[in-house]
Amino acid sequence: MTGKKISIEDAQRFILAGISTFTLHNYKTGNSFKYNVKISDDGKLYFASVIINSEKSYLGTVNNKGKFYHGKKSKIPADAQASKVLSWCLERIYANTLPDFIEVWHEGKCGKCGRKLTVPSSIDTGIGPDCAKKLSKSVWRDLQLNKLFS
């Protein structure tokens, strides 16, 4: 895997930052899935895709609280492992209950703009320093509220 493992708190910001690409890795089983989550033009929801052999396949949508909904137009069934893993992991990431054997890895690119990360602190979090400043206060507030009420 390329990139860097990130904390659950950083994963919460990273995944819904705007244009994130990340890998969910289960080190107990050795299974990994690579995903892309991109914000819609109106900013109200996110489109989730799985990346298999460098090809993206639409899976469904994610709301701003990290809840995954399988898309009717997805060519990948709702009961496929890639769909189930994304749903299960997102639920636990945003509830702060992700088990230690599941790792979230970013690809070395900013989750908001997609540029290569070069600053050590941004490599640790997955968000570049300029983009970290631009993340809306509402996104940050929603993440904090999710932590309080989960």
C-alpha atoms as a PDB file:
ATOM      1  CA  MET A   1       0.000   0.000   0.000  1.00  0.00           C
ATOM      2  CA  THR A   2       1.180   3.478  -0.759  1.00  0.00           C
ATOM      3  CA  GLY A   3       0.488   6.542   1.343  1.00  0.00           C
ATOM      4  CA  LYS A   4       0.105   6.532   5.089  1.00  0.00           C
ATOM      5  CA  LYS A   5      -2.102   5.049   7.774  1.00  0.00           C
ATOM      6  CA  ILE A   6      -4.228   7.746   9.416  1.00  0.00           C
ATOM      7  CA  SER A   7      -6.014   7.962  12.753  1.00  0.00           C
ATOM      8  CA  ILE A   8      -9.771   7.564  13.043  1.00  0.00           C
ATOM      9  CA  GLU A   9     -10.115  11.296  13.805  1.00  0.00           C
ATOM     10  CA  ASP A  10      -8.115  12.212  10.705  1.00  0.00           C
ATOM     11  CA  ALA A  11     -10.082   9.658   8.662  1.00  0.00           C
ATOM     12  CA  GLN A  12     -13.320  11.411   9.668  1.00  0.00           C
ATOM     13  CA  ARG A  13     -12.066  14.694   8.200  1.00  0.00           C
ATOM     14  CA  PHE A  14     -10.256  13.121   5.268  1.00  0.00           C
ATOM     15  CA  ILE A  15     -13.004  10.892   3.836  1.00  0.00           C
ATOM     16  CA  LEU A  16     -15.563  13.708   3.497  1.00  0.00           C
ATOM     17  CA  ALA A  17     -13.069  16.452   2.626  1.00  0.00           C
ATOM     18  CA  GLY A  18     -14.042  16.581  -1.053  1.00  0.00           C
ATOM     19  CA  ILE A  19     -12.107  14.152  -3.254  1.00  0.00           C
ATOM     20  CA  SER A  20     -10.597  11.457  -1.080  1.00  0.00           C
ATOM     21  CA  THR A  21      -9.024   8.206  -2.154  1.00  0.00           C
ATOM     22  CA  PHE A  22      -8.330   5.748   0.630  1.00  0.00           C
ATOM     23  CA  THR A  23      -7.807   2.086   1.386  1.00  0.00           C
ATOM     24  CA  LEU A  24      -9.554   0.142   4.122  1.00  0.00           C
ATOM     25  CA  HIS A  25      -7.251  -2.679   5.190  1.00  0.00           C
ATOM     26  CA  ASN A  26      -8.110  -5.524   7.533  1.00  0.00           C
ATOM     27  CA  TYR A  27      -4.770  -6.781   8.786  1.00  0.00           C
ATOM     28  CA  LYS A  28      -6.369  -9.849  10.409  1.00  0.00           C
ATOM     29  CA  THR A  29      -7.608 -11.185   7.069  1.00  0.00           C
ATOM     30  CA  GLY A  30      -5.228  -9.316   4.763  1.00  0.00           C
ATOM     31  CA  ASN A  31      -8.189  -8.002   2.723  1.00  0.00           C
ATOM     32  CA  SER A  32      -8.107  -4.456   1.361  1.00  0.00           C
ATOM     33  CA  PHE A  33     -10.463  -2.289  -0.665  1.00  0.00           C
ATOM     34  CA  LYS A  34      -9.606   1.043  -2.250  1.00  0.00           C
ATOM     35  CA  TYR A  35     -12.347   3.692  -2.421  1.00  0.00           C
ATOM     36  CA  ASN A  36     -12.933   7.167  -3.768  1.00  0.00           C
ATOM     37  CA  VAL A  37     -15.435   9.541  -2.155  1.00  0.00           C
ATOM     38  CA  LYS A  38     -16.183  12.740  -4.053  1.00  0.00           C
ATOM     39  CA  ILE A  39     -18.451  15.591  -2.991  1.00  0.00           C
ATOM     40  CA  SER A  40     -21.428  16.460  -5.219  1.00  0.00           C
ATOM     41  CA  ASP A  41     -21.584  19.810  -7.006  1.00  0.00           C
ATOM     42  CA  ASP A  42     -24.153  21.127  -4.519  1.00  0.00           C
ATOM     43  CA  GLY A  43     -22.107  19.846  -1.562  1.00  0.00           C
ATOM     44  CA  LYS A  44     -25.038  17.989  -0.014  1.00  0.00           C
ATOM     45  CA  LEU A  45     -23.826  14.424  -0.489  1.00  0.00           C
ATOM     46  CA  TYR A  46     -20.863  12.364  -1.610  1.00  0.00           C
ATOM     47  CA  PHE A  47     -20.477   9.780  -4.359  1.00  0.00           C
ATOM     48  CA  ALA A  48     -18.643   6.615  -3.343  1.00  0.00           C
ATOM     49  CA  SER A  49     -16.798   4.335  -5.739  1.00  0.00           C
ATOM     50  CA  VAL A  50     -14.628   1.284  -5.302  1.00  0.00           C
ATOM     51  CA  ILE A  51     -11.388   1.177  -7.271  1.00  0.00           C
ATOM     52  CA  ILE A  52     -10.489  -2.221  -8.694  1.00  0.00           C
ATOM     53  CA  ASN A  53      -7.464  -2.541 -10.995  1.00  0.00           C
ATOM     54  CA  SER A  54      -7.340   1.266 -11.418  1.00  0.00           C
ATOM     55  CA  GLU A  55     -10.992   1.401 -12.554  1.00  0.00           C
ATOM     56  CA  LYS A  56     -13.653   3.184 -10.505  1.00  0.00           C
ATOM     57  CA  SER A  57     -17.044   1.578 -10.096  1.00  0.00           C
ATOM     58  CA  TYR A  58     -19.871   3.585  -8.560  1.00  0.00           C
ATOM     59  CA  LEU A  59     -21.213   2.088  -5.327  1.00  0.00           C
ATOM     60  CA  GLY A  60     -23.619   4.688  -3.939  1.00  0.00           C
ATOM     61  CA  THR A  61     -23.778   7.827  -1.850  1.00  0.00           C
ATOM     62  CA  VAL A  62     -22.600   8.922   1.576  1.00  0.00           C
ATOM     63  CA  ASN A  63     -24.292  11.637   3.616  1.00  0.00           C
ATOM     64  CA  ASN A  64     -22.436  14.273   5.638  1.00  0.00           C
ATOM     65  CA  LYS A  65     -22.576  12.040   8.743  1.00  0.00           C
ATOM     66  CA  GLY A  66     -20.753   9.189   6.991  1.00  0.00           C
ATOM     67  CA  LYS A  67     -23.821   6.981   6.360  1.00  0.00           C
ATOM     68  CA  PHE A  68     -23.496   4.926   3.152  1.00  0.00           C
ATOM     69  CA  TYR A  69     -26.469   4.214   0.874  1.00  0.00           C
ATOM     70  CA  HIS A  70     -26.071   1.687  -1.925  1.00  0.00           C
ATOM     71  CA  GLY A  71     -26.968   3.225  -5.286  1.00  0.00           C
ATOM     72  CA  LYS A  72     -29.675   1.751  -7.501  1.00  0.00           C
ATOM     73  CA  LYS A  73     -27.486   2.471 -10.543  1.00  0.00           C
ATOM     74  CA  SER A  74     -24.470   0.682  -9.103  1.00  0.00           C
ATOM     75  CA  LYS A  75     -23.277  -2.283 -11.138  1.00  0.00           C
ATOM     76  CA  ILE A  76     -21.900  -3.782  -7.935  1.00  0.00           C
ATOM     77  CA  PRO A  77     -24.556  -5.523  -5.815  1.00  0.00           C
ATOM     78  CA  ALA A  78     -25.384  -4.224  -2.335  1.00  0.00           C
ATOM     79  CA  ASP A  79     -24.346  -7.579  -0.871  1.00  0.00           C
ATOM     80  CA  ALA A  80     -20.918  -7.516  -2.551  1.00  0.00           C
ATOM     81  CA  GLN A  81     -18.000  -7.471  -0.137  1.00  0.00           C
ATOM     82  CA  ALA A  82     -16.816  -4.013  -1.321  1.00  0.00           C
ATOM     83  CA  SER A  83     -20.237  -2.500  -0.518  1.00  0.00           C
ATOM     84  CA  LYS A  84     -20.561  -4.206   2.843  1.00  0.00           C
ATOM     85  CA  VAL A  85     -17.027  -3.254   3.920  1.00  0.00           C
ATOM     86  CA  LEU A  86     -17.531   0.427   3.041  1.00  0.00           C
ATOM     87  CA  SER A  87     -20.863   0.625   4.847  1.00  0.00           C
ATOM     88  CA  TRP A  88     -19.617  -1.221   7.930  1.00  0.00           C
ATOM     89  CA  CYS A  89     -16.372   0.754   8.192  1.00  0.00           C
ATOM     90  CA  LEU A  90     -17.924   4.187   7.605  1.00  0.00           C
ATOM     91  CA  GLU A  91     -20.502   3.514  10.312  1.00  0.00           C
ATOM     92  CA  ARG A  92     -17.740   2.679  12.764  1.00  0.00           C
ATOM     93  CA  ILE A  93     -15.359   5.452  11.668  1.00  0.00           C
ATOM     94  CA  TYR A  94     -17.984   8.127  12.313  1.00  0.00           C
ATOM     95  CA  ALA A  95     -19.074   6.511  15.586  1.00  0.00           C
ATOM     96  CA  ASN A  96     -15.437   6.290  16.762  1.00  0.00           C
ATOM     97  CA  THR A  97     -15.746   2.516  17.149  1.00  0.00           C
ATOM     98  CA  LEU A  98     -13.540   1.236  14.329  1.00  0.00           C
ATOM     99  CA  PRO A  99     -11.704  -1.893  15.563  1.00  0.00           C
ATOM    100  CA  ASP A 100      -7.921  -1.712  15.778  1.00  0.00           C
ATOM    101  CA  PHE A 101      -7.484  -4.410  13.132  1.00  0.00           C
ATOM    102  CA  ILE A 102      -9.004  -2.130  10.459  1.00  0.00           C
ATOM    103  CA  GLU A 103      -6.642   0.504   9.075  1.00  0.00           C
ATOM    104  CA  VAL A 104      -7.469   3.558   6.979  1.00  0.00           C
ATOM    105  CA  TRP A 105      -4.733   4.563   4.545  1.00  0.00           C
ATOM    106  CA  HIS A 106      -4.651   7.665   2.355  1.00  0.00           C
ATOM    107  CA  GLU A 107      -2.848   7.603  -0.988  1.00  0.00           C
ATOM    108  CA  GLY A 108      -0.452  10.495  -0.353  1.00  0.00           C
ATOM    109  CA  LYS A 109      -2.832  13.015  -1.919  1.00  0.00           C
ATOM    110  CA  CYS A 110      -4.898  15.696  -0.213  1.00  0.00           C
ATOM    111  CA  GLY A 111      -8.438  14.514   0.539  1.00  0.00           C
ATOM    112  CA  LYS A 112      -9.844  17.928  -0.388  1.00  0.00           C
ATOM    113  CA  CYS A 113      -8.029  18.881  -3.611  1.00  0.00           C
ATOM    114  CA  GLY A 114      -6.129  15.754  -4.670  1.00  0.00           C
ATOM    115  CA  ARG A 115      -2.674  17.360  -4.809  1.00  0.00           C
ATOM    116  CA  LYS A 116       0.385  15.439  -3.637  1.00  0.00           C
ATOM    117  CA  LEU A 117       1.052  15.899   0.081  1.00  0.00           C
ATOM    118  CA  THR A 118       4.545  17.160   0.920  1.00  0.00           C
ATOM    119  CA  VAL A 119       4.326  18.809   4.358  1.00  0.00           C
ATOM    120  CA  PRO A 120       4.976  16.221   7.118  1.00  0.00           C
ATOM    121  CA  SER A 121       1.927  17.239   9.192  1.00  0.00           C
ATOM    122  CA  SER A 122      -0.325  17.017   6.135  1.00  0.00           C
ATOM    123  CA  ILE A 123       1.065  13.581   5.271  1.00  0.00           C
ATOM    124  CA  ASP A 124       0.038  12.503   8.779  1.00  0.00           C
ATOM    125  CA  THR A 125      -3.549  13.774   8.393  1.00  0.00           C
ATOM    126  CA  GLY A 126      -4.201  13.429   4.650  1.00  0.00           C
ATOM    127  CA  ILE A 127      -5.220  17.094   4.271  1.00  0.00           C
ATOM    128  CA  GLY A 128      -2.823  19.718   2.898  1.00  0.00           C
ATOM    129  CA  PRO A 129      -2.163  22.800   5.032  1.00  0.00           C
ATOM    130  CA  ASP A 130      -3.968  25.199   2.677  1.00  0.00           C
ATOM    131  CA  CYS A 131      -6.983  22.894   2.390  1.00  0.00           C
ATOM    132  CA  ALA A 132      -7.104  22.312   6.149  1.00  0.00           C
ATOM    133  CA  LYS A 133      -7.656  26.053   6.555  1.00  0.00           C
ATOM    134  CA  LYS A 134     -10.413  25.974   3.934  1.00  0.00           C
ATOM    135  CA  LEU A 135     -12.400  23.092   5.383  1.00  0.00           C
ATOM    136  CA  SER A 136     -15.674  24.647   6.300  1.00  0.00           C
ATOM    137  CA  LYS A 137     -16.500  25.238   9.929  1.00  0.00           C
ATOM    138  CA  SER A 138     -19.731  23.323   9.395  1.00  0.00           C
ATOM    139  CA  VAL A 139     -17.816  20.172   8.414  1.00  0.00           C
ATOM    140  CA  TRP A 140     -15.686  20.506  11.519  1.00  0.00           C
ATOM    141  CA  ARG A 141     -18.772  21.206  13.664  1.00  0.00           C
ATOM    142  CA  ASP A 142     -20.612  18.164  12.257  1.00  0.00           C
ATOM    143  CA  LEU A 143     -17.639  15.930  13.045  1.00  0.00           C
ATOM    144  CA  GLN A 144     -17.513  17.217  16.617  1.00  0.00           C
ATOM    145  CA  LEU A 145     -21.279  16.717  17.074  1.00  0.00           C
ATOM    146  CA  ASN A 146     -21.008  13.174  15.721  1.00  0.00           C
ATOM    147  CA  LYS A 147     -18.389  12.464  18.396  1.00  0.00           C
ATOM    148  CA  LEU A 148     -20.594  13.919  21.149  1.00  0.00           C
ATOM    149  CA  PHE A 149     -23.756  12.024  20.255  1.00  0.00           C
ATOM    150  CA  SER A 150     -22.360   8.643  19.258  1.00  0.00           C
END
